[in-house]
Amino acid sequence: MRFDGVLPEDAPDPRLEQARRLELMPIPIVGLVPQPSLEDPDVVGIQYGHDSRGYNEMSASITYTLWRNPADRSDPMNLAQVDEQTRRSIEDVPPWPRPA
């Protein structure tokens, strides 16, 4: 998978290929038990290495969102402190169309 350039609007969902690779893991992938302060956005990262004999290493990582105040997700306490340049880059809409 490459992470440079601009994805076209009709680009396939990269999570489908990632899910296929996760099925190759020889051991189960486990996460944290459900908790009010944690949200599982269903983001799993996978890293792997292979050679002419096949896969020789694999690892997976699970991402969670931590809510400092899970009862009120709009509470400013839940937001990270970012500088003005970072805030602008987050809010800026790119001039090219984005995949669904």
C-alpha atoms as a PDB file:
ATOM      1  CA  MET A   1       0.000   0.000   0.000  1.00  0.00           C
ATOM      2  CA  ARG A   2       1.345   3.435  -0.887  1.00  0.00           C
ATOM      3  CA  PHE A   3       0.633   6.576   1.098  1.00  0.00           C
ATOM      4  CA  ASP A   4       1.662   9.323  -1.303  1.00  0.00           C
ATOM      5  CA  GLY A   5      -0.222  11.302  -3.888  1.00  0.00           C
ATOM      6  CA  VAL A   6      -3.959  11.893  -4.086  1.00  0.00           C
ATOM      7  CA  LEU A   7      -6.501   9.077  -4.022  1.00  0.00           C
ATOM      8  CA  PRO A   8      -9.126   9.246  -6.769  1.00  0.00           C
ATOM      9  CA  GLU A   9     -12.788   9.402  -5.785  1.00  0.00           C
ATOM     10  CA  ASP A  10     -13.354   5.802  -6.908  1.00  0.00           C
ATOM     11  CA  ALA A  11     -10.372   4.385  -4.993  1.00  0.00           C
ATOM     12  CA  PRO A  12     -11.103   1.059  -3.278  1.00  0.00           C
ATOM     13  CA  ASP A  13     -11.435   1.109   0.486  1.00  0.00           C
ATOM     14  CA  PRO A  14      -7.942   0.196   1.816  1.00  0.00           C
ATOM     15  CA  ARG A  15      -9.538  -1.416   4.869  1.00  0.00           C
ATOM     16  CA  LEU A  16     -10.729  -4.325   2.707  1.00  0.00           C
ATOM     17  CA  GLU A  17      -7.172  -5.332   1.768  1.00  0.00           C
ATOM     18  CA  GLN A  18      -6.082  -4.749   5.343  1.00  0.00           C
ATOM     19  CA  ALA A  19      -8.828  -7.050   6.655  1.00  0.00           C
ATOM     20  CA  ARG A  20      -7.698  -9.755   4.227  1.00  0.00           C
ATOM     21  CA  ARG A  21      -4.142  -9.504   5.543  1.00  0.00           C
ATOM     22  CA  LEU A  22      -5.315  -9.573   9.151  1.00  0.00           C
ATOM     23  CA  GLU A  23      -6.972 -12.925   8.454  1.00  0.00           C
ATOM     24  CA  LEU A  24      -3.480 -14.297   7.704  1.00  0.00           C
ATOM     25  CA  MET A  25      -2.308 -13.598  11.259  1.00  0.00           C
ATOM     26  CA  PRO A  26      -1.504 -16.946  12.892  1.00  0.00           C
ATOM     27  CA  ILE A  27      -2.662 -15.708  16.317  1.00  0.00           C
ATOM     28  CA  PRO A  28      -5.784 -13.808  17.394  1.00  0.00           C
ATOM     29  CA  ILE A  29      -5.739 -10.029  17.677  1.00  0.00           C
ATOM     30  CA  VAL A  30      -7.260  -8.847  20.936  1.00  0.00           C
ATOM     31  CA  GLY A  31      -8.218  -5.391  22.116  1.00  0.00           C
ATOM     32  CA  LEU A  32      -9.329  -3.703  25.285  1.00  0.00           C
ATOM     33  CA  VAL A  33     -12.658  -4.441  26.934  1.00  0.00           C
ATOM     34  CA  PRO A  34     -15.373  -1.817  26.275  1.00  0.00           C
ATOM     35  CA  GLN A  35     -15.067   1.167  28.595  1.00  0.00           C
ATOM     36  CA  PRO A  36     -16.983   4.463  28.729  1.00  0.00           C
ATOM     37  CA  SER A  37     -13.799   6.498  28.185  1.00  0.00           C
ATOM     38  CA  LEU A  38     -12.619   4.505  25.166  1.00  0.00           C
ATOM     39  CA  GLU A  39     -14.100   4.463  21.704  1.00  0.00           C
ATOM     40  CA  ASP A  40     -13.028   1.838  19.190  1.00  0.00           C
ATOM     41  CA  PRO A  41     -13.198   3.538  15.764  1.00  0.00           C
ATOM     42  CA  ASP A  42     -12.364   0.187  14.104  1.00  0.00           C
ATOM     43  CA  VAL A  43      -8.880   1.279  13.047  1.00  0.00           C
ATOM     44  CA  VAL A  44      -6.349  -1.545  12.936  1.00  0.00           C
ATOM     45  CA  GLY A  45      -2.854  -1.046  11.594  1.00  0.00           C
ATOM     46  CA  ILE A  46      -0.885  -3.920  10.171  1.00  0.00           C
ATOM     47  CA  GLN A  47       2.806  -4.243   9.443  1.00  0.00           C
ATOM     48  CA  TYR A  48       4.389  -7.214   7.750  1.00  0.00           C
ATOM     49  CA  GLY A  49       7.536  -8.405   6.081  1.00  0.00           C
ATOM     50  CA  HIS A  50       7.924 -11.164   3.532  1.00  0.00           C
ATOM     51  CA  ASP A  51      10.495 -12.761   1.324  1.00  0.00           C
ATOM     52  CA  SER A  52      10.535 -15.512  -1.304  1.00  0.00           C
ATOM     53  CA  ARG A  53       9.294 -18.032   1.303  1.00  0.00           C
ATOM     54  CA  GLY A  54       6.315 -15.890   2.346  1.00  0.00           C
ATOM     55  CA  TYR A  55       5.607 -13.803   5.422  1.00  0.00           C
ATOM     56  CA  ASN A  56       8.384 -13.732   8.017  1.00  0.00           C
ATOM     57  CA  GLU A  57       6.959 -11.168  10.422  1.00  0.00           C
ATOM     58  CA  MET A  58       3.565  -9.617  11.149  1.00  0.00           C
ATOM     59  CA  SER A  59       2.267  -7.200  13.739  1.00  0.00           C
ATOM     60  CA  ALA A  60      -1.011  -5.398  14.314  1.00  0.00           C
ATOM     61  CA  SER A  61      -1.960  -2.297  16.287  1.00  0.00           C
ATOM     62  CA  ILE A  62      -5.398  -1.177  17.414  1.00  0.00           C
ATOM     63  CA  THR A  63      -6.254   2.518  17.753  1.00  0.00           C
ATOM     64  CA  TYR A  64      -8.660   3.884  20.348  1.00  0.00           C
ATOM     65  CA  THR A  65     -10.038   7.342  21.063  1.00  0.00           C
ATOM     66  CA  LEU A  66      -9.737   8.430  24.675  1.00  0.00           C
ATOM     67  CA  TRP A  67     -12.532  10.691  25.927  1.00  0.00           C
ATOM     68  CA  ARG A  68     -11.621  12.620  29.046  1.00  0.00           C
ATOM     69  CA  ASN A  69     -15.299  13.399  29.533  1.00  0.00           C
ATOM     70  CA  PRO A  70     -17.203  10.569  27.825  1.00  0.00           C
ATOM     71  CA  ALA A  71     -20.590  11.859  29.019  1.00  0.00           C
ATOM     72  CA  ASP A  72     -20.197  15.066  26.956  1.00  0.00           C
ATOM     73  CA  ARG A  73     -18.073  14.578  23.850  1.00  0.00           C
ATOM     74  CA  SER A  74     -18.419  18.253  22.912  1.00  0.00           C
ATOM     75  CA  ASP A  75     -16.691  19.252  26.176  1.00  0.00           C
ATOM     76  CA  PRO A  76     -13.520  21.248  25.328  1.00  0.00           C
ATOM     77  CA  MET A  77     -11.659  19.053  27.840  1.00  0.00           C
ATOM     78  CA  ASN A  78     -11.778  16.312  25.177  1.00  0.00           C
ATOM     79  CA  LEU A  79      -9.929  18.437  22.609  1.00  0.00           C
ATOM     80  CA  ALA A  80      -6.172  18.551  22.148  1.00  0.00           C
ATOM     81  CA  GLN A  81      -4.419  21.899  22.363  1.00  0.00           C
ATOM     82  CA  VAL A  82      -3.102  22.697  18.861  1.00  0.00           C
ATOM     83  CA  ASP A  83      -1.397  25.742  17.417  1.00  0.00           C
ATOM     84  CA  GLU A  84      -3.059  27.940  14.774  1.00  0.00           C
ATOM     85  CA  GLN A  85      -1.171  26.416  11.826  1.00  0.00           C
ATOM     86  CA  THR A  86      -2.217  22.884  12.835  1.00  0.00           C
ATOM     87  CA  ARG A  87      -5.833  23.988  13.344  1.00  0.00           C
ATOM     88  CA  ARG A  88      -5.895  25.567   9.870  1.00  0.00           C
ATOM     89  CA  SER A  89      -4.444  22.414   8.274  1.00  0.00           C
ATOM     90  CA  ILE A  90      -7.132  20.280   9.941  1.00  0.00           C
ATOM     91  CA  GLU A  91      -9.962  22.564   8.853  1.00  0.00           C
ATOM     92  CA  ASP A  92      -8.617  23.200   5.340  1.00  0.00           C
ATOM     93  CA  VAL A  93     -10.491  21.320   2.610  1.00  0.00           C
ATOM     94  CA  PRO A  94      -8.167  20.098  -0.177  1.00  0.00           C
ATOM     95  CA  PRO A  95      -8.936  21.262  -3.731  1.00  0.00           C
ATOM     96  CA  TRP A  96      -9.277  17.676  -5.019  1.00  0.00           C
ATOM     97  CA  PRO A  97     -12.241  15.335  -4.431  1.00  0.00           C
ATOM     98  CA  ARG A  98     -11.883  12.771  -1.644  1.00  0.00           C
ATOM     99  CA  PRO A  99     -13.008   9.123  -1.687  1.00  0.00           C
ATOM    100  CA  ALA A 100     -16.125   8.255   0.279  1.00  0.00           C
END
